[in-house]
Protein backbone atom coordinates (compact mmCIF):
# COMPACT_ATOMS: atom_id res chain seq x y z
CA MET A 1 117.30 65.95 109.11
CA GLY A 2 116.04 64.89 105.68
CA LYS A 3 112.92 63.46 107.30
CA LEU A 4 112.12 66.77 109.04
CA ALA A 5 112.52 68.72 105.83
CA SER A 6 110.19 66.37 103.95
CA GLU A 7 107.59 66.62 106.75
CA ASP A 8 107.83 70.42 106.65
CA ILE A 9 107.33 70.37 102.90
CA GLN A 10 104.26 68.13 103.28
CA ILE A 11 102.80 70.44 105.93
CA GLN A 12 103.42 73.48 103.74
CA ARG A 13 101.71 71.76 100.80
CA LEU A 14 98.70 70.86 102.96
CA ILE A 15 98.40 74.41 104.24
CA ASP A 16 98.80 75.78 100.72
CA SER A 17 96.10 73.50 99.31
CA TYR A 18 93.77 74.33 102.22
CA LEU A 19 94.25 78.07 101.71
CA ARG A 20 93.71 77.77 97.96
CA LEU A 21 90.52 75.79 98.58
CA GLN A 22 89.24 78.43 101.01
CA VAL A 23 90.06 81.21 98.58
CA SER A 24 88.21 79.51 95.75
CA LYS A 25 85.16 78.92 97.99
CA ASN A 26 84.86 82.62 98.78
CA GLY A 27 85.41 83.81 95.23
CA PHE A 28 88.58 85.79 95.95
CA THR A 29 91.54 85.34 93.69
CA ALA A 30 95.03 86.75 93.93
CA GLU A 31 94.65 88.41 90.53
CA GLY A 32 91.17 89.73 91.28
CA GLU A 33 90.17 92.90 93.02
CA HIS A 34 92.14 94.03 96.04
CA LEU A 35 90.61 94.93 99.36
CA ASP A 36 90.34 98.65 100.00
CA GLU A 37 92.38 100.32 102.75
CA ASP A 38 89.34 101.21 104.88
CA PHE A 39 88.30 97.57 104.99
CA LEU A 40 91.86 96.46 105.78
CA THR A 41 92.13 99.10 108.52
CA ALA A 42 88.89 97.88 110.09
CA PHE A 43 90.30 94.34 109.97
CA ILE A 44 93.60 95.40 111.58
CA GLU A 45 91.84 97.33 114.36
CA GLY A 46 89.60 94.35 115.08
CA ASN A 47 86.38 96.12 114.11
CA LEU A 48 85.11 93.25 111.94
CA ASN A 49 83.12 90.33 113.26
CA ARG A 50 84.08 86.74 112.38
CA ARG A 51 81.75 86.60 109.40
CA GLU A 52 83.27 89.77 107.93
CA ALA A 53 86.87 88.88 108.81
CA ARG A 54 86.91 85.38 107.32
CA PRO A 55 86.89 86.49 103.65
CA VAL A 56 89.60 89.04 104.46
CA VAL A 57 91.83 86.34 105.94
CA ASP A 58 91.19 84.13 102.95
CA HIS A 59 92.01 86.94 100.54
CA LEU A 60 95.18 87.86 102.44
CA ALA A 61 96.29 84.23 102.21
CA ALA A 62 96.14 84.42 98.42
CA CYS A 63 97.02 88.05 97.65
CA MET A 64 100.58 89.19 98.28
CA PHE A 65 99.76 92.83 97.44
CA CYS A 66 97.05 93.04 100.11
CA ARG A 67 99.34 91.31 102.63
CA GLN A 68 101.99 93.96 102.00
CA ILE A 69 99.46 96.78 102.37
CA THR A 70 98.21 95.18 105.58
CA ALA A 71 101.75 94.94 106.93
CA GLU A 72 102.35 98.62 106.14
CA LEU A 73 99.09 99.61 107.83
CA ILE A 74 100.06 97.61 110.92
CA LYS A 75 103.44 99.36 111.04
CA LEU A 76 101.72 102.73 110.71
CA ASP A 77 99.23 101.87 113.44
CA LEU A 78 102.05 100.78 115.75
CA ALA A 79 103.95 104.01 115.09
CA PHE A 80 100.90 106.08 116.02
CA ALA A 81 100.22 103.88 119.04
CA ASP A 82 103.71 104.68 120.36
CA ASP A 83 103.05 108.41 119.94
CA ARG A 84 99.69 108.15 121.70
CA ALA A 85 101.24 106.20 124.56
CA ARG A 86 103.91 108.88 125.03
CA VAL A 87 101.28 111.63 125.09
CA PHE A 88 99.23 109.85 127.74
CA VAL A 89 102.27 109.14 129.90
CA GLU A 90 103.51 112.73 129.76
CA GLU A 91 100.20 114.19 130.84
CA GLY A 92 99.54 114.36 134.55
CA GLU A 93 96.40 115.23 136.41
CA PRO A 94 96.10 119.00 136.68
CA SER A 95 95.53 120.29 140.16
CA ARG A 96 93.60 123.43 139.22
CA VAL A 97 91.05 124.45 136.64
CA SER A 98 93.42 127.14 135.35
CA GLU A 99 96.02 124.47 134.54
CA VAL A 100 93.44 122.54 132.54
CA LEU A 101 92.44 125.65 130.62
CA ASN A 102 96.07 126.63 130.01
CA GLY A 103 96.80 123.14 128.70
CA LEU A 104 93.83 123.18 126.35
CA LEU A 105 94.55 126.68 125.08
CA SER A 106 98.22 125.90 124.53
CA ARG A 107 97.26 122.87 122.46
CA ILE A 108 94.85 124.90 120.37
CA PHE A 109 96.75 128.16 119.95
CA GLY A 110 100.30 127.19 120.90
CA THR A 111 102.20 128.30 123.96
CA ASN A 112 102.35 131.94 124.89
CA ASP A 113 104.32 132.60 128.06
CA ASP A 114 103.08 136.21 128.41
CA VAL A 115 99.48 135.06 128.72
CA VAL A 116 100.38 132.57 131.42
CA PHE A 117 102.30 135.18 133.44
CA ALA A 118 99.49 137.72 133.09
CA HIS A 119 97.03 135.14 134.37
CA GLN A 120 99.25 134.27 137.31
CA GLU A 121 99.87 137.94 138.17
CA GLN A 122 96.14 138.54 138.49
CA GLU A 123 95.86 135.68 140.95
CA LYS A 124 98.65 137.16 143.07
CA GLU A 125 97.08 140.64 143.14
CA GLU A 126 93.72 139.45 144.46
CA PRO A 127 94.96 138.34 147.92
CA SER A 128 96.82 141.65 148.41
CA GLU A 129 93.61 143.60 147.68
CA LYS A 130 91.77 141.58 150.32
CA THR A 131 94.39 142.37 152.94
CA GLU A 132 94.24 146.10 152.13
CA ASN A 133 90.43 146.29 152.42
CA PRO A 134 90.03 145.24 156.06
CA PRO A 135 92.16 148.10 157.49
CA ASP A 136 90.07 150.58 155.43
CA ASN A 137 86.84 149.15 156.87
CA LYS A 138 88.07 149.58 160.46
CA GLN A 139 88.59 153.34 160.13
């Protein structure tokens, strides 16, 4: 077991020296300026190309503060992703245009049951008017 621990320590030292070398090449230091949240958010969302992401990775390797901010942003993004997934799952395909409009209006203005019933009552009255008109035309 002592041999494994010493090998782990050697590997950690090699990784540490490599990361410190990379950080010094790119001019980032742990005590220097921190990355701004917009840049970190773009990195988290995968909106940076390799050339743009490399200095961010190097800085994150050296800067504990930016790593913590990045971890918090990832947690926040995951929390919102869960909410978005629930919204998409709950929504079904509406079968009529009126259902689409009711859904949009309820999201914008809130739900109002009276408006929905008034709209549905008008639809029910139209077929009864059509059935009353043909007997009047026959006379």
